Amino acid sequence: MMAKERWDACDREGNPLGYTVVRGEPVPEGVWHRVAEVLSITTEGRVLITKRHPDKPCGGFWEYTGGSVLAGEEPQAGAARELREETGISLPEAALHPLYVDARPGIDGLNTIYCCFAAFFDPAEQTIRLQEGETVDFRLLPYDQFKEFLFTEEFTDPIRRRFLDHQAVFDRLMEAHLKK
């Protein structure tokens, strides 16, 4: 039997409250949990998106990598773990650059603190391997095409909304990356 996923119970600012909550069990009012998201970008400036497994919430829709930060884990470590698990891309935590933190209701209705990071990788040095039960396909899109694809019905709406709320951060990041 698989162990149930545990998260640190946090306040709205992401500070641990000293106890954990279990995925799928009721969460006390006023408790927040952290989710790490990673916008993965190739050295040439292409954005990695993955298609969610059909059995997951928002199944069959496209997204960038993300998942819950586990109990005892910091968001940057959770981002590196999720990236490795869902895509096979293995980068040190220090290679993930913080972009924003955003507290809002999650796709499951829970109070969620989204900690978003950027990760740059060389596709010649990393093999993309999809995680069974999580992701079923991937694409590497030039940034302009990625932004266009966001507006299709195929892209996960909550991630689209967070991206659009923080698009200036992403645009500055990509502009700096592509100038190198």
C-alpha atoms as a PDB file:
ATOM      1  CA  MET A   1       0.000   0.000   0.000  1.00  0.00           C
ATOM      2  CA  MET A   2       1.319   3.440  -0.971  1.00  0.00           C
ATOM      3  CA  ALA A   3       1.880   5.964   1.802  1.00  0.00           C
ATOM      4  CA  LYS A   4      -0.503   8.890   1.724  1.00  0.00           C
ATOM      5  CA  GLU A   5       1.009  12.153   0.572  1.00  0.00           C
ATOM      6  CA  ARG A   6       1.539  14.571   3.469  1.00  0.00           C
ATOM      7  CA  TRP A   7       1.911  18.338   3.235  1.00  0.00           C
ATOM      8  CA  ASP A   8       3.001  20.918   5.780  1.00  0.00           C
ATOM      9  CA  ALA A   9       0.001  22.900   6.996  1.00  0.00           C
ATOM     10  CA  CYS A  10       0.913  26.557   6.391  1.00  0.00           C
ATOM     11  CA  ASP A  11      -0.449  30.026   7.017  1.00  0.00           C
ATOM     12  CA  ARG A  12      -1.277  32.257   4.038  1.00  0.00           C
ATOM     13  CA  GLU A  13       2.356  33.448   3.844  1.00  0.00           C
ATOM     14  CA  GLY A  14       3.652  29.871   3.569  1.00  0.00           C
ATOM     15  CA  ASN A  15       4.965  29.553   7.110  1.00  0.00           C
ATOM     16  CA  PRO A  16       4.564  25.985   8.446  1.00  0.00           C
ATOM     17  CA  LEU A  17       2.106  25.713  11.333  1.00  0.00           C
ATOM     18  CA  GLY A  18       3.848  22.718  12.938  1.00  0.00           C
ATOM     19  CA  TYR A  19       1.607  19.908  11.700  1.00  0.00           C
ATOM     20  CA  THR A  20       0.811  18.127   8.472  1.00  0.00           C
ATOM     21  CA  VAL A  21      -2.306  17.464   6.434  1.00  0.00           C
ATOM     22  CA  VAL A  22      -2.967  14.413   4.267  1.00  0.00           C
ATOM     23  CA  ARG A  23      -3.956  14.639   0.601  1.00  0.00           C
ATOM     24  CA  GLY A  24      -7.607  13.731   0.197  1.00  0.00           C
ATOM     25  CA  GLU A  25      -8.547  14.329   3.847  1.00  0.00           C
ATOM     26  CA  PRO A  26     -10.370  17.423   5.135  1.00  0.00           C
ATOM     27  CA  VAL A  27      -8.131  20.458   5.630  1.00  0.00           C
ATOM     28  CA  PRO A  28      -8.904  22.804   8.540  1.00  0.00           C
ATOM     29  CA  GLU A  29     -10.230  26.251   7.666  1.00  0.00           C
ATOM     30  CA  GLY A  30      -7.501  28.844   7.217  1.00  0.00           C
ATOM     31  CA  VAL A  31      -4.831  26.251   6.400  1.00  0.00           C
ATOM     32  CA  TRP A  32      -2.853  26.587   3.184  1.00  0.00           C
ATOM     33  CA  HIS A  33      -0.603  24.141   1.349  1.00  0.00           C
ATOM     34  CA  ARG A  34       2.261  24.882  -1.027  1.00  0.00           C
ATOM     35  CA  VAL A  35       2.561  23.860  -4.667  1.00  0.00           C
ATOM     36  CA  ALA A  36       5.765  24.196  -6.674  1.00  0.00           C
ATOM     37  CA  GLU A  37       5.543  24.987 -10.387  1.00  0.00           C
ATOM     38  CA  VAL A  38       8.391  24.998 -12.887  1.00  0.00           C
ATOM     39  CA  LEU A  39       8.540  26.761 -16.215  1.00  0.00           C
ATOM     40  CA  SER A  40      11.224  24.677 -17.946  1.00  0.00           C
ATOM     41  CA  ILE A  41      13.063  26.443 -20.744  1.00  0.00           C
ATOM     42  CA  THR A  42      15.640  25.007 -23.120  1.00  0.00           C
ATOM     43  CA  THR A  43      18.922  26.738 -23.768  1.00  0.00           C
ATOM     44  CA  GLU A  44      17.382  27.822 -27.131  1.00  0.00           C
ATOM     45  CA  GLY A  45      14.342  29.368 -25.408  1.00  0.00           C
ATOM     46  CA  ARG A  46      11.716  26.669 -25.988  1.00  0.00           C
ATOM     47  CA  VAL A  47       9.166  26.089 -23.206  1.00  0.00           C
ATOM     48  CA  LEU A  48       8.387  22.548 -22.070  1.00  0.00           C
ATOM     49  CA  ILE A  49       4.714  21.736 -21.596  1.00  0.00           C
ATOM     50  CA  THR A  50       3.247  18.374 -20.658  1.00  0.00           C
ATOM     51  CA  LYS A  51      -0.184  16.853 -21.128  1.00  0.00           C
ATOM     52  CA  ARG A  52      -1.886  15.710 -17.934  1.00  0.00           C
ATOM     53  CA  HIS A  53      -2.915  12.068 -17.586  1.00  0.00           C
ATOM     54  CA  PRO A  54      -6.656  11.696 -18.375  1.00  0.00           C
ATOM     55  CA  ASP A  55      -7.379  10.320 -14.870  1.00  0.00           C
ATOM     56  CA  LYS A  56      -6.030  13.420 -13.090  1.00  0.00           C
ATOM     57  CA  PRO A  57      -7.962  16.613 -12.342  1.00  0.00           C
ATOM     58  CA  CYS A  58      -7.878  18.700 -15.549  1.00  0.00           C
ATOM     59  CA  GLY A  59      -6.934  15.448 -17.305  1.00  0.00           C
ATOM     60  CA  GLY A  60      -6.014  15.706 -20.959  1.00  0.00           C
ATOM     61  CA  PHE A  61      -5.076  19.370 -20.669  1.00  0.00           C
ATOM     62  CA  TRP A  62      -1.607  20.843 -21.148  1.00  0.00           C
ATOM     63  CA  GLU A  63       0.408  22.534 -18.412  1.00  0.00           C
ATOM     64  CA  TYR A  64       3.892  23.256 -17.201  1.00  0.00           C
ATOM     65  CA  THR A  65       5.342  21.094 -14.443  1.00  0.00           C
ATOM     66  CA  GLY A  66       4.055  21.338 -10.904  1.00  0.00           C
ATOM     67  CA  GLY A  67       2.880  19.538  -7.825  1.00  0.00           C
ATOM     68  CA  SER A  68       2.476  19.662  -4.077  1.00  0.00           C
ATOM     69  CA  VAL A  69       5.414  20.467  -1.829  1.00  0.00           C
ATOM     70  CA  LEU A  70       5.725  17.497   0.538  1.00  0.00           C
ATOM     71  CA  ALA A  71       5.931  17.693   4.337  1.00  0.00           C
ATOM     72  CA  GLY A  72       9.387  18.818   5.432  1.00  0.00           C
ATOM     73  CA  GLU A  73      10.306  19.971   1.923  1.00  0.00           C
ATOM     74  CA  GLU A  74      11.054  23.537   0.864  1.00  0.00           C
ATOM     75  CA  PRO A  75       9.358  24.819  -2.329  1.00  0.00           C
ATOM     76  CA  GLN A  76      12.606  24.879  -4.346  1.00  0.00           C
ATOM     77  CA  ALA A  77      13.313  21.243  -3.398  1.00  0.00           C
ATOM     78  CA  GLY A  78       9.723  20.345  -4.286  1.00  0.00           C
ATOM     79  CA  ALA A  79      10.113  22.046  -7.660  1.00  0.00           C
ATOM     80  CA  ALA A  80      13.317  20.100  -8.408  1.00  0.00           C
ATOM     81  CA  ARG A  81      11.637  16.833  -7.329  1.00  0.00           C
ATOM     82  CA  GLU A  82       8.493  17.453  -9.405  1.00  0.00           C
ATOM     83  CA  LEU A  83      10.600  18.359 -12.438  1.00  0.00           C
ATOM     84  CA  ARG A  84      12.620  15.147 -12.077  1.00  0.00           C
ATOM     85  CA  GLU A  85       9.553  12.936 -11.417  1.00  0.00           C
ATOM     86  CA  GLU A  86       7.267  14.321 -14.131  1.00  0.00           C
ATOM     87  CA  THR A  87       9.794  15.008 -16.892  1.00  0.00           C
ATOM     88  CA  GLY A  88      13.029  13.170 -16.062  1.00  0.00           C
ATOM     89  CA  ILE A  89      14.919  16.495 -16.074  1.00  0.00           C
ATOM     90  CA  SER A  90      17.346  16.441 -13.175  1.00  0.00           C
ATOM     91  CA  LEU A  91      18.719  19.795 -12.047  1.00  0.00           C
ATOM     92  CA  PRO A  92      20.156  20.918  -8.721  1.00  0.00           C
ATOM     93  CA  GLU A  93      17.862  23.063  -6.578  1.00  0.00           C
ATOM     94  CA  ALA A  94      20.191  26.028  -7.076  1.00  0.00           C
ATOM     95  CA  ALA A  95      19.459  25.888 -10.835  1.00  0.00           C
ATOM     96  CA  LEU A  96      15.799  26.764 -10.205  1.00  0.00           C
ATOM     97  CA  HIS A  97      15.175  30.512 -10.180  1.00  0.00           C
ATOM     98  CA  PRO A  98      12.251  31.864  -8.109  1.00  0.00           C
ATOM     99  CA  LEU A  99       9.745  33.829 -10.201  1.00  0.00           C
ATOM    100  CA  TYR A 100       6.761  34.540  -7.950  1.00  0.00           C
ATOM    101  CA  VAL A 101       4.664  33.334  -5.022  1.00  0.00           C
ATOM    102  CA  ASP A 102       0.884  33.553  -5.396  1.00  0.00           C
ATOM    103  CA  ALA A 103      -1.755  32.506  -2.845  1.00  0.00           C
ATOM    104  CA  ARG A 104      -5.190  31.588  -4.244  1.00  0.00           C
ATOM    105  CA  PRO A 105      -7.626  28.650  -4.369  1.00  0.00           C
ATOM    106  CA  GLY A 106      -6.189  25.624  -6.192  1.00  0.00           C
ATOM    107  CA  ILE A 107      -7.821  23.404  -8.818  1.00  0.00           C
ATOM    108  CA  ASP A 108      -8.962  21.164  -5.956  1.00  0.00           C
ATOM    109  CA  GLY A 109     -10.540  24.114  -4.096  1.00  0.00           C
ATOM    110  CA  LEU A 110      -7.882  24.100  -1.371  1.00  0.00           C
ATOM    111  CA  ASN A 111      -6.103  27.233  -0.217  1.00  0.00           C
ATOM    112  CA  THR A 112      -2.892  26.992  -2.214  1.00  0.00           C
ATOM    113  CA  ILE A 113       0.353  28.935  -2.273  1.00  0.00           C
ATOM    114  CA  TYR A 114       1.916  28.618  -5.732  1.00  0.00           C
ATOM    115  CA  CYS A 115       5.708  28.947  -5.730  1.00  0.00           C
ATOM    116  CA  CYS A 116       6.830  29.281  -9.339  1.00  0.00           C
ATOM    117  CA  PHE A 117      10.378  28.717 -10.567  1.00  0.00           C
ATOM    118  CA  ALA A 118      12.200  28.841 -13.885  1.00  0.00           C
ATOM    119  CA  ALA A 119      14.580  26.067 -14.897  1.00  0.00           C
ATOM    120  CA  PHE A 120      16.909  26.236 -17.879  1.00  0.00           C
ATOM    121  CA  PHE A 121      18.077  22.965 -19.391  1.00  0.00           C
ATOM    122  CA  ASP A 122      20.019  21.705 -22.387  1.00  0.00           C
ATOM    123  CA  PRO A 123      17.895  19.098 -24.216  1.00  0.00           C
ATOM    124  CA  ALA A 124      21.115  17.520 -25.518  1.00  0.00           C
ATOM    125  CA  GLU A 125      22.075  16.746 -21.904  1.00  0.00           C
ATOM    126  CA  GLN A 126      18.630  15.865 -20.488  1.00  0.00           C
ATOM    127  CA  THR A 127      16.272  13.165 -21.716  1.00  0.00           C
ATOM    128  CA  ILE A 128      12.608  13.948 -21.192  1.00  0.00           C
ATOM    129  CA  ARG A 129      10.893  10.938 -19.604  1.00  0.00           C
ATOM    130  CA  LEU A 130       7.210  11.227 -18.755  1.00  0.00           C
ATOM    131  CA  GLN A 131       5.917   9.958 -15.406  1.00  0.00           C
ATOM    132  CA  GLU A 132       3.376   7.175 -15.719  1.00  0.00           C
ATOM    133  CA  GLY A 133       0.019   8.216 -14.283  1.00  0.00           C
ATOM    134  CA  GLU A 134       0.955  11.923 -14.349  1.00  0.00           C
ATOM    135  CA  THR A 135       1.871  12.986 -17.876  1.00  0.00           C
ATOM    136  CA  VAL A 136       1.205  11.429 -21.284  1.00  0.00           C
ATOM    137  CA  ASP A 137       2.855  13.753 -23.819  1.00  0.00           C
ATOM    138  CA  PHE A 138       5.140  16.768 -24.092  1.00  0.00           C
ATOM    139  CA  ARG A 139       5.960  19.614 -26.442  1.00  0.00           C
ATOM    140  CA  LEU A 140       8.815  22.112 -26.653  1.00  0.00           C
ATOM    141  CA  LEU A 141       7.395  25.381 -27.945  1.00  0.00           C
ATOM    142  CA  PRO A 142       9.120  28.665 -28.798  1.00  0.00           C
ATOM    143  CA  TYR A 143       8.019  31.226 -26.200  1.00  0.00           C
ATOM    144  CA  ASP A 144       5.737  33.137 -28.598  1.00  0.00           C
ATOM    145  CA  GLN A 145       4.006  29.894 -29.637  1.00  0.00           C
ATOM    146  CA  PHE A 146       3.718  28.887 -25.974  1.00  0.00           C
ATOM    147  CA  LYS A 147       1.932  32.172 -25.199  1.00  0.00           C
ATOM    148  CA  GLU A 148      -0.436  31.587 -28.145  1.00  0.00           C
ATOM    149  CA  PHE A 149      -1.082  27.993 -27.033  1.00  0.00           C
ATOM    150  CA  LEU A 150      -2.031  29.260 -23.546  1.00  0.00           C
ATOM    151  CA  PHE A 151      -5.196  30.711 -25.066  1.00  0.00           C
ATOM    152  CA  THR A 152      -6.391  27.444 -26.584  1.00  0.00           C
ATOM    153  CA  GLU A 153      -8.995  25.293 -24.897  1.00  0.00           C
ATOM    154  CA  GLU A 154      -6.311  22.605 -24.556  1.00  0.00           C
ATOM    155  CA  PHE A 155      -4.354  24.458 -21.846  1.00  0.00           C
ATOM    156  CA  THR A 156      -5.192  24.153 -18.152  1.00  0.00           C
ATOM    157  CA  ASP A 157      -7.211  27.239 -17.228  1.00  0.00           C
ATOM    158  CA  PRO A 158      -5.913  27.829 -13.650  1.00  0.00           C
ATOM    159  CA  ILE A 159      -2.296  27.746 -14.865  1.00  0.00           C
ATOM    160  CA  ARG A 160      -3.192  30.085 -17.736  1.00  0.00           C
ATOM    161  CA  ARG A 161      -4.685  32.573 -15.256  1.00  0.00           C
ATOM    162  CA  ARG A 162      -1.608  32.499 -13.005  1.00  0.00           C
ATOM    163  CA  PHE A 163       0.683  32.893 -16.018  1.00  0.00           C
ATOM    164  CA  LEU A 164      -1.291  35.886 -17.274  1.00  0.00           C
ATOM    165  CA  ASP A 165      -1.278  37.495 -13.810  1.00  0.00           C
ATOM    166  CA  HIS A 166       2.526  37.245 -13.792  1.00  0.00           C
ATOM    167  CA  GLN A 167       3.256  37.475 -17.525  1.00  0.00           C
ATOM    168  CA  ALA A 168       5.517  40.517 -17.124  1.00  0.00           C
ATOM    169  CA  VAL A 169       7.842  38.411 -14.934  1.00  0.00           C
ATOM    170  CA  PHE A 170       7.945  35.650 -17.565  1.00  0.00           C
ATOM    171  CA  ASP A 171       8.454  38.123 -20.417  1.00  0.00           C
ATOM    172  CA  ARG A 172      11.412  39.786 -18.641  1.00  0.00           C
ATOM    173  CA  LEU A 173      12.932  36.379 -17.885  1.00  0.00           C
ATOM    174  CA  MET A 174      12.643  35.239 -21.505  1.00  0.00           C
ATOM    175  CA  GLU A 175      13.930  38.526 -22.876  1.00  0.00           C
ATOM    176  CA  ALA A 176      17.027  38.270 -20.680  1.00  0.00           C
ATOM    177  CA  HIS A 177      17.517  34.569 -21.508  1.00  0.00           C
ATOM    178  CA  LEU A 178      17.206  35.044 -25.267  1.00  0.00           C
ATOM    179  CA  LYS A 179      19.709  37.942 -25.265  1.00  0.00           C
ATOM    180  CA  LYS A 180      22.474  35.635 -23.992  1.00  0.00           C
END
